[in-house]
C-alpha atoms as a PDB file:
ATOM      1  CA  UNK A   1      21.002   2.127  -6.888  1.00  0.00           C
ATOM      2  CA  UNK A   2      18.309   1.772  -8.065  1.00  0.00           C
ATOM      3  CA  UNK A   3      15.109  -0.859  -7.073  1.00  0.00           C
ATOM      4  CA  UNK A   4      13.564  -3.451  -8.258  1.00  0.00           C
ATOM      5  CA  UNK A   5      10.823  -5.689  -7.261  1.00  0.00           C
ATOM      6  CA  UNK A   6      10.398  -9.487  -8.835  1.00  0.00           C
ATOM      7  CA  UNK A   7       6.684 -10.225  -8.212  1.00  0.00           C
ATOM      8  CA  UNK A   8       5.249 -13.315  -7.736  1.00  0.00           C
ATOM      9  CA  UNK A   9       1.592 -14.327  -6.500  1.00  0.00           C
ATOM     10  CA  UNK A  10       0.802 -16.996  -4.541  1.00  0.00           C
ATOM     11  CA  UNK A  11      -2.673 -17.638  -4.225  1.00  0.00           C
ATOM     12  CA  UNK A  12      -4.724 -19.075  -1.244  1.00  0.00           C
ATOM     13  CA  UNK A  13      -5.848 -22.232  -2.188  1.00  0.00           C
ATOM     14  CA  UNK A  14      -8.638 -23.544   0.440  1.00  0.00           C
ATOM     15  CA  UNK A  15      -8.280 -19.889   2.777  1.00  0.00           C
ATOM     16  CA  UNK A  16     -10.606 -20.455   5.183  1.00  0.00           C
ATOM     17  CA  UNK A  17     -11.899 -16.407   5.331  1.00  0.00           C
ATOM     18  CA  UNK A  18     -13.943 -14.418   3.667  1.00  0.00           C
ATOM     19  CA  UNK A  19     -13.136 -10.775   3.491  1.00  0.00           C
ATOM     20  CA  UNK A  20     -15.748  -9.516   2.824  1.00  0.00           C
ATOM     21  CA  UNK A  21     -13.836  -7.520   0.112  1.00  0.00           C
ATOM     22  CA  UNK A  22     -11.606 -10.247  -1.171  1.00  0.00           C
ATOM     23  CA  UNK A  23     -12.615 -11.980  -4.714  1.00  0.00           C
ATOM     24  CA  UNK A  24      -9.500 -14.024  -4.246  1.00  0.00           C
ATOM     25  CA  UNK A  25     -11.307 -17.389  -5.129  1.00  0.00           C
ATOM     26  CA  UNK A  26     -12.017 -15.729  -8.275  1.00  0.00           C
ATOM     27  CA  UNK A  27      -8.620 -14.831  -8.537  1.00  0.00           C
ATOM     28  CA  UNK A  28      -7.460 -18.314  -7.458  1.00  0.00           C
ATOM     29  CA  UNK A  29      -9.389 -19.970  -9.634  1.00  0.00           C
ATOM     30  CA  UNK A  30      -7.682 -18.215 -13.083  1.00  0.00           C
ATOM     31  CA  UNK A  31      -4.343 -18.567 -11.573  1.00  0.00           C
ATOM     32  CA  UNK A  32      -1.879 -21.473 -11.235  1.00  0.00           C
ATOM     33  CA  UNK A  33      -0.441 -22.195  -8.289  1.00  0.00           C
ATOM     34  CA  UNK A  34       3.795 -21.382  -9.078  1.00  0.00           C
ATOM     35  CA  UNK A  35       6.019 -24.113  -8.797  1.00  0.00           C
ATOM     36  CA  UNK A  36       9.720 -24.242  -8.177  1.00  0.00           C
ATOM     37  CA  UNK A  37      10.350 -24.022 -11.833  1.00  0.00           C
ATOM     38  CA  UNK A  38       8.261 -21.510 -12.390  1.00  0.00           C
ATOM     39  CA  UNK A  39       9.541 -19.212  -9.872  1.00  0.00           C
ATOM     40  CA  UNK A  40      12.843 -19.761 -11.474  1.00  0.00           C
ATOM     41  CA  UNK A  41      11.511 -18.638 -14.764  1.00  0.00           C
ATOM     42  CA  UNK A  42      10.028 -15.447 -13.580  1.00  0.00           C
ATOM     43  CA  UNK A  43      13.019 -14.784 -11.695  1.00  0.00           C
ATOM     44  CA  UNK A  44      14.874 -14.991 -14.712  1.00  0.00           C
ATOM     45  CA  UNK A  45      13.251 -13.512 -17.068  1.00  0.00           C
ATOM     46  CA  UNK A  46      12.973 -10.199 -14.633  1.00  0.00           C
ATOM     47  CA  UNK A  47      17.064 -10.288 -14.436  1.00  0.00           C
ATOM     48  CA  UNK A  48      17.185 -10.325 -17.634  1.00  0.00           C
ATOM     49  CA  UNK A  49      16.254  -6.396 -18.014  1.00  0.00           C
ATOM     50  CA  UNK A  50      17.081  -5.238 -15.126  1.00  0.00           C
ATOM     51  CA  UNK A  51      20.530  -3.965 -14.898  1.00  0.00           C
ATOM     52  CA  UNK A  52      23.520  -5.444 -12.306  1.00  0.00           C
ATOM     53  CA  UNK A  53      23.793  -2.888 -10.071  1.00  0.00           C
ATOM     54  CA  UNK A  54      20.658  -2.740  -9.654  1.00  0.00           C
ATOM     55  CA  UNK A  55      18.510  -3.469  -6.439  1.00  0.00           C
ATOM     56  CA  UNK A  56      16.800  -6.387  -6.669  1.00  0.00           C
ATOM     57  CA  UNK A  57      13.815  -8.382  -4.173  1.00  0.00           C
ATOM     58  CA  UNK A  58      11.916 -11.205  -4.906  1.00  0.00           C
ATOM     59  CA  UNK A  59       8.039 -10.432  -4.157  1.00  0.00           C
ATOM     60  CA  UNK A  60       5.207 -13.167  -3.421  1.00  0.00           C
ATOM     61  CA  UNK A  61       2.080 -11.782  -2.850  1.00  0.00           C
ATOM     62  CA  UNK A  62      -1.757 -13.062  -2.681  1.00  0.00           C
ATOM     63  CA  UNK A  63      -1.877 -12.320   0.978  1.00  0.00           C
ATOM     64  CA  UNK A  64      -1.412 -15.634   2.979  1.00  0.00           C
ATOM     65  CA  UNK A  65       2.344 -17.193   2.263  1.00  0.00           C
ATOM     66  CA  UNK A  66       2.321 -18.574   5.942  1.00  0.00           C
ATOM     67  CA  UNK A  67      -0.611 -19.648   5.090  1.00  0.00           C
ATOM     68  CA  UNK A  68       0.151 -22.560   2.643  1.00  0.00           C
ATOM     69  CA  UNK A  69       1.215 -25.982   2.705  1.00  0.00           C
ATOM     70  CA  UNK A  70       4.883 -25.627   4.138  1.00  0.00           C
ATOM     71  CA  UNK A  71       6.330 -27.492   2.130  1.00  0.00           C
ATOM     72  CA  UNK A  72       5.485 -25.243  -1.006  1.00  0.00           C
ATOM     73  CA  UNK A  73       6.767 -21.851   1.273  1.00  0.00           C
ATOM     74  CA  UNK A  74      10.145 -24.035   1.618  1.00  0.00           C
ATOM     75  CA  UNK A  75      10.230 -25.091  -2.109  1.00  0.00           C
ATOM     76  CA  UNK A  76       9.199 -21.440  -3.608  1.00  0.00           C
ATOM     77  CA  UNK A  77      11.429 -19.833  -0.884  1.00  0.00           C
ATOM     78  CA  UNK A  78      15.056 -22.834  -2.430  1.00  0.00           C
ATOM     79  CA  UNK A  79      14.171 -21.338  -5.877  1.00  0.00           C
ATOM     80  CA  UNK A  80      15.167 -18.055  -5.473  1.00  0.00           C
ATOM     81  CA  UNK A  81      18.793 -19.289  -2.659  1.00  0.00           C
ATOM     82  CA  UNK A  82      20.612 -19.268  -5.673  1.00  0.00           C
ATOM     83  CA  UNK A  83      20.587 -15.657  -6.972  1.00  0.00           C
ATOM     84  CA  UNK A  84      20.502 -14.529  -3.672  1.00  0.00           C
ATOM     85  CA  UNK A  85      23.840 -16.329  -3.199  1.00  0.00           C
ATOM     86  CA  UNK A  86      25.237 -14.607  -6.613  1.00  0.00           C
ATOM     87  CA  UNK A  87      24.393 -11.482  -5.532  1.00  0.00           C
ATOM     88  CA  UNK A  88      21.612 -11.103  -7.980  1.00  0.00           C
ATOM     89  CA  UNK A  89      18.751 -10.372  -5.352  1.00  0.00           C
ATOM     90  CA  UNK A  90      19.311  -9.348  -2.266  1.00  0.00           C
ATOM     91  CA  UNK A  91      16.196  -9.855  -0.539  1.00  0.00           C
ATOM     92  CA  UNK A  92      13.280 -11.909  -0.182  1.00  0.00           C
ATOM     93  CA  UNK A  93       9.510 -10.337   0.944  1.00  0.00           C
ATOM     94  CA  UNK A  94       6.408 -12.075   1.601  1.00  0.00           C
ATOM     95  CA  UNK A  95       3.332 -11.131   2.683  1.00  0.00           C
ATOM     96  CA  UNK A  96       0.729 -12.775   5.463  1.00  0.00           C
ATOM     97  CA  UNK A  97      -1.496 -12.416   7.399  1.00  0.00           C
ATOM     98  CA  UNK A  98      -1.654 -11.418  11.550  1.00  0.00           C
ATOM     99  CA  UNK A  99      -2.679 -15.274  12.703  1.00  0.00           C
ATOM    100  CA  UNK A 100      -0.382 -16.740  10.316  1.00  0.00           C
ATOM    101  CA  UNK A 101       2.128 -15.273  12.882  1.00  0.00           C
ATOM    102  CA  UNK A 102       4.606 -17.436  15.200  1.00  0.00           C
ATOM    103  CA  UNK A 103       8.003 -17.653  16.203  1.00  0.00           C
ATOM    104  CA  UNK A 104       7.949 -21.808  14.090  1.00  0.00           C
ATOM    105  CA  UNK A 105       6.969 -19.723  11.260  1.00  0.00           C
ATOM    106  CA  UNK A 106       9.957 -16.890  12.058  1.00  0.00           C
ATOM    107  CA  UNK A 107      13.072 -19.246  12.611  1.00  0.00           C
ATOM    108  CA  UNK A 108      11.460 -20.834   9.018  1.00  0.00           C
ATOM    109  CA  UNK A 109      11.514 -18.033   6.841  1.00  0.00           C
ATOM    110  CA  UNK A 110      14.966 -17.154   8.360  1.00  0.00           C
ATOM    111  CA  UNK A 111      16.467 -20.418   7.388  1.00  0.00           C
ATOM    112  CA  UNK A 112      15.684 -19.115   4.159  1.00  0.00           C
ATOM    113  CA  UNK A 113      17.174 -15.472   4.069  1.00  0.00           C
ATOM    114  CA  UNK A 114      13.572 -13.398   3.951  1.00  0.00           C
ATOM    115  CA  UNK A 115      14.157 -10.188   4.983  1.00  0.00           C
ATOM    116  CA  UNK A 116      10.780  -8.066   5.118  1.00  0.00           C
ATOM    117  CA  UNK A 117       7.405  -9.678   5.990  1.00  0.00           C
ATOM    118  CA  UNK A 118       4.063  -7.545   5.246  1.00  0.00           C
ATOM    119  CA  UNK A 119       0.952  -8.170   7.232  1.00  0.00           C
ATOM    120  CA  UNK A 120      -2.700  -7.517   6.040  1.00  0.00           C
ATOM    121  CA  UNK A 121      -3.715  -5.177   9.204  1.00  0.00           C
ATOM    122  CA  UNK A 122      -6.604  -3.360   6.842  1.00  0.00           C
ATOM    123  CA  UNK A 123      -8.413  -2.460  10.405  1.00  0.00           C
ATOM    124  CA  UNK A 124      -7.269  -2.030  14.177  1.00  0.00           C
ATOM    125  CA  UNK A 125     -10.685  -1.532  15.008  1.00  0.00           C
ATOM    126  CA  UNK A 126     -12.036  -5.522  16.249  1.00  0.00           C
ATOM    127  CA  UNK A 127     -15.688  -4.299  15.116  1.00  0.00           C
ATOM    128  CA  UNK A 128     -14.400  -3.579  11.894  1.00  0.00           C
ATOM    129  CA  UNK A 129     -12.276  -7.001  11.172  1.00  0.00           C
ATOM    130  CA  UNK A 130     -15.377  -8.895  12.289  1.00  0.00           C
ATOM    131  CA  UNK A 131     -17.554  -6.767  10.288  1.00  0.00           C
ATOM    132  CA  UNK A 132     -15.193  -7.472   7.180  1.00  0.00           C
ATOM    133  CA  UNK A 133     -14.827 -11.416   7.932  1.00  0.00           C
ATOM    134  CA  UNK A 134     -10.962 -10.831   8.028  1.00  0.00           C
ATOM    135  CA  UNK A 135     -11.072 -13.592  10.924  1.00  0.00           C
ATOM    136  CA  UNK A 136      -7.735 -11.718  13.307  1.00  0.00           C
ATOM    137  CA  UNK A 137      -8.005  -9.254  15.582  1.00  0.00           C
ATOM    138  CA  UNK A 138      -5.749  -6.097  16.259  1.00  0.00           C
ATOM    139  CA  UNK A 139      -4.445  -7.820  19.215  1.00  0.00           C
ATOM    140  CA  UNK A 140      -2.985 -10.747  16.679  1.00  0.00           C
ATOM    141  CA  UNK A 141      -1.567  -7.573  14.737  1.00  0.00           C
ATOM    142  CA  UNK A 142       0.790  -6.372  17.785  1.00  0.00           C
ATOM    143  CA  UNK A 143       1.426  -9.408  18.211  1.00  0.00           C
ATOM    144  CA  UNK A 144       2.756 -10.491  15.194  1.00  0.00           C
ATOM    145  CA  UNK A 145       4.853  -7.286  14.392  1.00  0.00           C
ATOM    146  CA  UNK A 146       6.880  -7.698  17.483  1.00  0.00           C
ATOM    147  CA  UNK A 147       7.715 -10.970  17.078  1.00  0.00           C
ATOM    148  CA  UNK A 148       8.749 -10.004  13.378  1.00  0.00           C
ATOM    149  CA  UNK A 149      10.626  -7.293  14.566  1.00  0.00           C
ATOM    150  CA  UNK A 150      12.463  -9.105  17.465  1.00  0.00           C
ATOM    151  CA  UNK A 151      13.311 -11.543  14.987  1.00  0.00           C
ATOM    152  CA  UNK A 152      15.583  -8.996  12.768  1.00  0.00           C
ATOM    153  CA  UNK A 153      12.870  -8.865   9.778  1.00  0.00           C
ATOM    154  CA  UNK A 154      11.977  -5.496   8.108  1.00  0.00           C
ATOM    155  CA  UNK A 155       8.330  -5.061   8.770  1.00  0.00           C
ATOM    156  CA  UNK A 156       5.922  -4.037   6.893  1.00  0.00           C
ATOM    157  CA  UNK A 157       2.219  -2.841   7.637  1.00  0.00           C
ATOM    158  CA  UNK A 158      -1.116  -2.745   5.347  1.00  0.00           C
ATOM    159  CA  UNK A 159      -4.347  -0.914   6.070  1.00  0.00           C
ATOM    160  CA  UNK A 160      -7.768  -0.439   3.998  1.00  0.00           C
ATOM    161  CA  UNK A 161      -9.253   2.950   4.225  1.00  0.00           C
ATOM    162  CA  UNK A 162     -13.706   2.960   3.515  1.00  0.00           C
ATOM    163  CA  UNK A 163     -14.015  -0.502   5.642  1.00  0.00           C
ATOM    164  CA  UNK A 164     -17.579  -1.259   5.922  1.00  0.00           C
ATOM    165  CA  UNK A 165     -18.612  -0.053   8.822  1.00  0.00           C
ATOM    166  CA  UNK A 166     -15.207   2.273   9.523  1.00  0.00           C
ATOM    167  CA  UNK A 167     -15.346   5.987   9.560  1.00  0.00           C
ATOM    168  CA  UNK A 168     -12.810   8.378   8.845  1.00  0.00           C
ATOM    169  CA  UNK A 169     -12.594   8.288  12.550  1.00  0.00           C
ATOM    170  CA  UNK A 170     -11.366   4.851  13.051  1.00  0.00           C
ATOM    171  CA  UNK A 171      -9.291   5.286   9.783  1.00  0.00           C
ATOM    172  CA  UNK A 172      -6.629   7.579  11.882  1.00  0.00           C
ATOM    173  CA  UNK A 173      -6.470   5.535  15.158  1.00  0.00           C
ATOM    174  CA  UNK A 174      -5.593   2.573  12.379  1.00  0.00           C
ATOM    175  CA  UNK A 175      -2.412   4.583  11.044  1.00  0.00           C
ATOM    176  CA  UNK A 176      -2.055   5.424  14.949  1.00  0.00           C
ATOM    177  CA  UNK A 177      -2.086   2.146  15.662  1.00  0.00           C
ATOM    178  CA  UNK A 178       0.582   1.006  13.131  1.00  0.00           C
ATOM    179  CA  UNK A 179       2.517   3.955  13.304  1.00  0.00           C
ATOM    180  CA  UNK A 180       3.064   3.614  17.232  1.00  0.00           C
ATOM    181  CA  UNK A 181       4.319  -0.198  16.379  1.00  0.00           C
ATOM    182  CA  UNK A 182       6.643   1.164  14.230  1.00  0.00           C
ATOM    183  CA  UNK A 183       7.477  -0.765  10.652  1.00  0.00           C
ATOM    184  CA  UNK A 184       9.222   0.115   8.504  1.00  0.00           C
ATOM    185  CA  UNK A 185       6.928   0.295   5.441  1.00  0.00           C
ATOM    186  CA  UNK A 186       3.526   1.234   5.200  1.00  0.00           C
ATOM    187  CA  UNK A 187       0.921   0.952   2.485  1.00  0.00           C
ATOM    188  CA  UNK A 188      -2.349   2.095   2.397  1.00  0.00           C
ATOM    189  CA  UNK A 189      -5.334   0.621  -0.040  1.00  0.00           C
ATOM    190  CA  UNK A 190      -8.351   2.284  -0.668  1.00  0.00           C
ATOM    191  CA  UNK A 191     -11.529  -0.281   0.077  1.00  0.00           C
ATOM    192  CA  UNK A 192     -12.521  -0.883  -3.531  1.00  0.00           C
ATOM    193  CA  UNK A 193     -15.870  -2.900  -4.169  1.00  0.00           C
ATOM    194  CA  UNK A 194     -15.096  -5.965  -6.800  1.00  0.00           C
ATOM    195  CA  UNK A 195     -16.977  -8.413  -8.535  1.00  0.00           C
ATOM    196  CA  UNK A 196     -18.578 -11.422  -6.271  1.00  0.00           C
ATOM    197  CA  UNK A 197     -17.147 -10.691  -3.247  1.00  0.00           C
ATOM    198  CA  UNK A 198     -19.532 -10.108  -0.142  1.00  0.00           C
ATOM    199  CA  UNK A 199     -18.830  -6.230  -0.164  1.00  0.00           C
ATOM    200  CA  UNK A 200     -20.005  -6.257  -3.906  1.00  0.00           C
ATOM    201  CA  UNK A 201     -23.795  -8.101  -2.453  1.00  0.00           C
ATOM    202  CA  UNK A 202     -24.111  -5.669   0.716  1.00  0.00           C
ATOM    203  CA  UNK A 203     -23.863  -2.296  -2.557  1.00  0.00           C
ATOM    204  CA  UNK A 204     -26.244  -4.304  -4.681  1.00  0.00           C
ATOM    205  CA  UNK A 205     -28.378  -4.203  -1.129  1.00  0.00           C
ATOM    206  CA  UNK A 206     -27.762  -0.791  -0.464  1.00  0.00           C
ATOM    207  CA  UNK A 207     -26.229  -1.513   2.440  1.00  0.00           C
ATOM    208  CA  UNK A 208     -22.433  -0.752   1.758  1.00  0.00           C
ATOM    209  CA  UNK A 209     -21.635   2.835   0.280  1.00  0.00           C
ATOM    210  CA  UNK A 210     -18.330   2.817  -1.221  1.00  0.00           C
ATOM    211  CA  UNK A 211     -16.342   5.995  -0.365  1.00  0.00           C
ATOM    212  CA  UNK A 212     -16.243   8.731  -3.211  1.00  0.00           C
ATOM    213  CA  UNK A 213     -12.398   9.346  -4.947  1.00  0.00           C
ATOM    214  CA  UNK A 214     -12.656  12.951  -3.638  1.00  0.00           C
ATOM    215  CA  UNK A 215     -13.144  12.130   0.236  1.00  0.00           C
ATOM    216  CA  UNK A 216     -11.234   8.778   0.275  1.00  0.00           C
ATOM    217  CA  UNK A 217      -7.976  11.341  -1.427  1.00  0.00           C
ATOM    218  CA  UNK A 218      -8.451  13.513   0.950  1.00  0.00           C
ATOM    219  CA  UNK A 219      -8.424  11.266   3.897  1.00  0.00           C
ATOM    220  CA  UNK A 220      -5.068   9.550   2.121  1.00  0.00           C
ATOM    221  CA  UNK A 221      -3.700  12.951   2.286  1.00  0.00           C
ATOM    222  CA  UNK A 222      -3.965  13.109   6.313  1.00  0.00           C
ATOM    223  CA  UNK A 223      -2.512   9.231   6.828  1.00  0.00           C
ATOM    224  CA  UNK A 224       0.996   9.899   4.398  1.00  0.00           C
ATOM    225  CA  UNK A 225       0.866  13.390   6.487  1.00  0.00           C
ATOM    226  CA  UNK A 226       0.714  11.339  10.008  1.00  0.00           C
ATOM    227  CA  UNK A 227       3.117   8.669   8.645  1.00  0.00           C
ATOM    228  CA  UNK A 228       5.536  10.521   7.536  1.00  0.00           C
ATOM    229  CA  UNK A 229       5.559  12.594  10.621  1.00  0.00           C
ATOM    230  CA  UNK A 230       6.527   9.728  11.966  1.00  0.00           C
ATOM    231  CA  UNK A 231       9.320   8.296   9.695  1.00  0.00           C
ATOM    232  CA  UNK A 232       7.775   5.816   8.429  1.00  0.00           C
ATOM    233  CA  UNK A 233       8.320   4.893   4.187  1.00  0.00           C
ATOM    234  CA  UNK A 234       5.017   4.564   2.626  1.00  0.00           C
ATOM    235  CA  UNK A 235       5.547   1.974  -0.487  1.00  0.00           C
ATOM    236  CA  UNK A 236       2.070   2.437  -1.289  1.00  0.00           C
ATOM    237  CA  UNK A 237      -1.170   3.806  -1.678  1.00  0.00           C
ATOM    238  CA  UNK A 238      -3.712   2.416  -4.281  1.00  0.00           C
ATOM    239  CA  UNK A 239      -4.348  -0.541  -5.841  1.00  0.00           C
ATOM    240  CA  UNK A 240      -1.752  -1.358  -9.431  1.00  0.00           C
ATOM    241  CA  UNK A 241      -3.808  -1.670 -12.249  1.00  0.00           C
ATOM    242  CA  UNK A 242      -3.938  -5.359 -12.733  1.00  0.00           C
ATOM    243  CA  UNK A 243      -5.399  -6.800 -16.011  1.00  0.00           C
ATOM    244  CA  UNK A 244      -7.863  -8.174 -12.941  1.00  0.00           C
ATOM    245  CA  UNK A 245      -8.766  -4.103 -12.745  1.00  0.00           C
ATOM    246  CA  UNK A 246      -8.619  -3.430 -15.681  1.00  0.00           C
ATOM    247  CA  UNK A 247     -10.874  -7.194 -16.905  1.00  0.00           C
ATOM    248  CA  UNK A 248     -13.984  -6.090 -14.510  1.00  0.00           C
ATOM    249  CA  UNK A 249     -14.501  -2.768 -16.207  1.00  0.00           C
ATOM    250  CA  UNK A 250     -15.884   0.356 -14.162  1.00  0.00           C
ATOM    251  CA  UNK A 251     -15.114  -0.363 -10.561  1.00  0.00           C
ATOM    252  CA  UNK A 252     -17.246   0.789  -7.371  1.00  0.00           C
ATOM    253  CA  UNK A 253     -15.293   2.459  -5.273  1.00  0.00           C
ATOM    254  CA  UNK A 254     -12.131   5.789  -5.155  1.00  0.00           C
ATOM    255  CA  UNK A 255     -10.084   3.694  -7.770  1.00  0.00           C
ATOM    256  CA  UNK A 256      -7.503   5.618 -10.500  1.00  0.00           C
ATOM    257  CA  UNK A 257      -4.944   4.458 -11.973  1.00  0.00           C
ATOM    258  CA  UNK A 258      -2.862   7.643 -10.570  1.00  0.00           C
ATOM    259  CA  UNK A 259      -4.679   7.436  -6.796  1.00  0.00           C
ATOM    260  CA  UNK A 260      -0.659   7.992  -4.740  1.00  0.00           C
ATOM    261  CA  UNK A 261      -0.091  10.644  -6.896  1.00  0.00           C
ATOM    262  CA  UNK A 262      -3.292  12.165  -6.167  1.00  0.00           C
ATOM    263  CA  UNK A 263      -3.421  12.336  -2.643  1.00  0.00           C
ATOM    264  CA  UNK A 264       0.450  13.836  -3.054  1.00  0.00           C
ATOM    265  CA  UNK A 265      -1.031  16.624  -4.738  1.00  0.00           C
ATOM    266  CA  UNK A 266      -3.187  17.360  -1.654  1.00  0.00           C
ATOM    267  CA  UNK A 267      -1.110  16.903   0.656  1.00  0.00           C
ATOM    268  CA  UNK A 268       0.514  19.594  -1.394  1.00  0.00           C
ATOM    269  CA  UNK A 269      -2.380  20.910  -1.328  1.00  0.00           C
ATOM    270  CA  UNK A 270      -2.963  21.474   2.173  1.00  0.00           C
ATOM    271  CA  UNK A 271       0.650  22.648   2.973  1.00  0.00           C
ATOM    272  CA  UNK A 272      -0.101  25.653   0.412  1.00  0.00           C
ATOM    273  CA  UNK A 273      -3.611  26.136   1.783  1.00  0.00           C
ATOM    274  CA  UNK A 274      -2.021  26.597   5.294  1.00  0.00           C
ATOM    275  CA  UNK A 275       0.535  29.005   4.397  1.00  0.00           C
ATOM    276  CA  UNK A 276      -1.421  31.126   1.865  1.00  0.00           C
ATOM    277  CA  UNK A 277      -5.021  31.334   3.461  1.00  0.00           C
ATOM    278  CA  UNK A 278      -4.769  34.499   5.543  1.00  0.00           C
ATOM    279  CA  UNK A 279      -2.269  36.127   2.595  1.00  0.00           C
ATOM    280  CA  UNK A 280      -4.055  39.695   2.079  1.00  0.00           C
ATOM    281  CA  UNK A 281      -2.162  39.229  -2.077  1.00  0.00           C
ATOM    282  CA  UNK A 282      -4.429  38.445  -4.461  1.00  0.00           C
ATOM    283  CA  UNK A 283      -1.158  37.145  -5.829  1.00  0.00           C
ATOM    284  CA  UNK A 284       1.331  34.642  -4.164  1.00  0.00           C
ATOM    285  CA  UNK A 285       4.615  33.410  -4.850  1.00  0.00           C
ATOM    286  CA  UNK A 286       5.819  30.364  -3.745  1.00  0.00           C
ATOM    287  CA  UNK A 287       8.957  28.450  -3.652  1.00  0.00           C
ATOM    288  CA  UNK A 288       8.609  24.300  -4.597  1.00  0.00           C
ATOM    289  CA  UNK A 289      11.716  21.454  -5.608  1.00  0.00           C
ATOM    290  CA  UNK A 290      11.463  21.424  -9.949  1.00  0.00           C
ATOM    291  CA  UNK A 291      10.317  18.147  -9.082  1.00  0.00           C
ATOM    292  CA  UNK A 292       7.239  19.024  -7.348  1.00  0.00           C
ATOM    293  CA  UNK A 293       6.167  21.475  -9.603  1.00  0.00           C
ATOM    294  CA  UNK A 294       3.537  18.532 -11.360  1.00  0.00           C
ATOM    295  CA  UNK A 295       2.303  18.198  -7.638  1.00  0.00           C
ATOM    296  CA  UNK A 296       2.252  21.948  -6.627  1.00  0.00           C
ATOM    297  CA  UNK A 297       0.314  22.782  -9.968  1.00  0.00           C
ATOM    298  CA  UNK A 298      -2.179  19.620  -9.479  1.00  0.00           C
ATOM    299  CA  UNK A 299      -3.556  17.084 -12.174  1.00  0.00           C
ATOM    300  CA  UNK A 300      -5.084  19.579 -15.150  1.00  0.00           C
ATOM    301  CA  UNK A 301      -3.982  22.675 -12.606  1.00  0.00           C
ATOM    302  CA  UNK A 302      -6.488  21.135 -10.369  1.00  0.00           C
ATOM    303  CA  UNK A 303      -4.843  23.350  -7.563  1.00  0.00           C
ATOM    304  CA  UNK A 304      -4.601  26.594  -9.236  1.00  0.00           C
ATOM    305  CA  UNK A 305      -7.848  26.125 -10.289  1.00  0.00           C
ATOM    306  CA  UNK A 306      -8.987  25.365  -6.473  1.00  0.00           C
ATOM    307  CA  UNK A 307      -7.548  28.700  -4.577  1.00  0.00           C
ATOM    308  CA  UNK A 308      -8.514  30.829  -7.906  1.00  0.00           C
ATOM    309  CA  UNK A 309     -12.381  29.933  -7.019  1.00  0.00           C
ATOM    310  CA  UNK A 310     -12.297  29.526  -3.524  1.00  0.00           C
ATOM    311  CA  UNK A 311      -9.376  32.221  -1.814  1.00  0.00           C
ATOM    312  CA  UNK A 312      -9.633  34.710  -5.210  1.00  0.00           C
ATOM    313  CA  UNK A 313      -6.034  34.059  -5.607  1.00  0.00           C
ATOM    314  CA  UNK A 314      -3.357  33.245  -8.013  1.00  0.00           C
ATOM    315  CA  UNK A 315      -0.373  31.011  -7.730  1.00  0.00           C
ATOM    316  CA  UNK A 316       2.722  31.784  -8.855  1.00  0.00           C
ATOM    317  CA  UNK A 317       5.446  28.519  -7.938  1.00  0.00           C
ATOM    318  CA  UNK A 318       9.521  29.602  -8.129  1.00  0.00           C
ATOM    319  CA  UNK A 319      11.764  26.388  -8.845  1.00  0.00           C
ATOM    320  CA  UNK A 320      14.173  26.235  -6.503  1.00  0.00           C
ATOM    321  CA  UNK A 321      16.932  23.110  -6.501  1.00  0.00           C
ATOM    322  CA  UNK A 322      17.650  24.012  -3.136  1.00  0.00           C
ATOM    323  CA  UNK A 323      14.019  23.702  -2.153  1.00  0.00           C
ATOM    324  CA  UNK A 324      13.377  19.868  -0.275  1.00  0.00           C
ATOM    325  CA  UNK A 325      11.507  17.696  -1.191  1.00  0.00           C
ATOM    326  CA  UNK A 326       7.824  17.975  -0.491  1.00  0.00           C
ATOM    327  CA  UNK A 327       7.591  20.993   0.525  1.00  0.00           C
ATOM    328  CA  UNK A 328       6.681  24.587  -0.151  1.00  0.00           C
ATOM    329  CA  UNK A 329       7.346  28.131   0.861  1.00  0.00           C
ATOM    330  CA  UNK A 330       6.634  31.582   0.208  1.00  0.00           C
ATOM    331  CA  UNK A 331       9.248  33.378  -1.734  1.00  0.00           C
END
């Protein structure tokens, strides 16, 4: 059964927080807050293009759904109920902040059959959270996550890589802390310096330097390995190529339209390196699943070139339907 998301962006007007990386105020100024009628129109338009036997989830994004007025929350959730009752929508997902969660809010969300709640964690180091103006603590992430799980919701956690003041050790610590909370899903976002943000001001003053693409990809490959080892599903790596991003032109930081794919390619390269670095033969034969061949070879044969230049080895891949996806073995 194929899964489809119907995204609905809900801007949080009057957000009291000024996250260094966030241009939410710029986005909000250009967005109309959806009402119940518009929500129904978005859902119906999307459903018209989705096969009947699909799994469909309505996703309210914007980062602070439970921070908007309660009347608005109820109206938007109520608008989805007819499609849930007729079986065309199976789930409702929303994203919010750890400090915008309590038992009263969760009881209301359960009343409207919300199934998944994602929290913008970003970092589990309080010093990093404070430096980037997040307005919540790591302890609040722990409290909110346990409440969400206790009340039967699917839990998603989002982290950011490359925030101001954060080191690679901090990123790994954050991933370890997130994994310990046992969420159902995670998202990994590289920090991009967007226009009209505090981070852009710091960048222009020379007091903040974003990560380069290659080191960020290499780090996210380690984080992805950590999450998957702990059986936590990664549902996104990298920012989506939205209209806002396209309109800003050249972006500062590790943005790539296929960032997640670059991470998986790097993970394959790391796995291959572990296998072949001590092999004496100059030609190495490797077994991979056919659907993994592009990731094994690398973008524009980057992995083949890497082993030719660094190890003076030629890699030859044998495509094997019996090989487990995501794994590689010497043939």
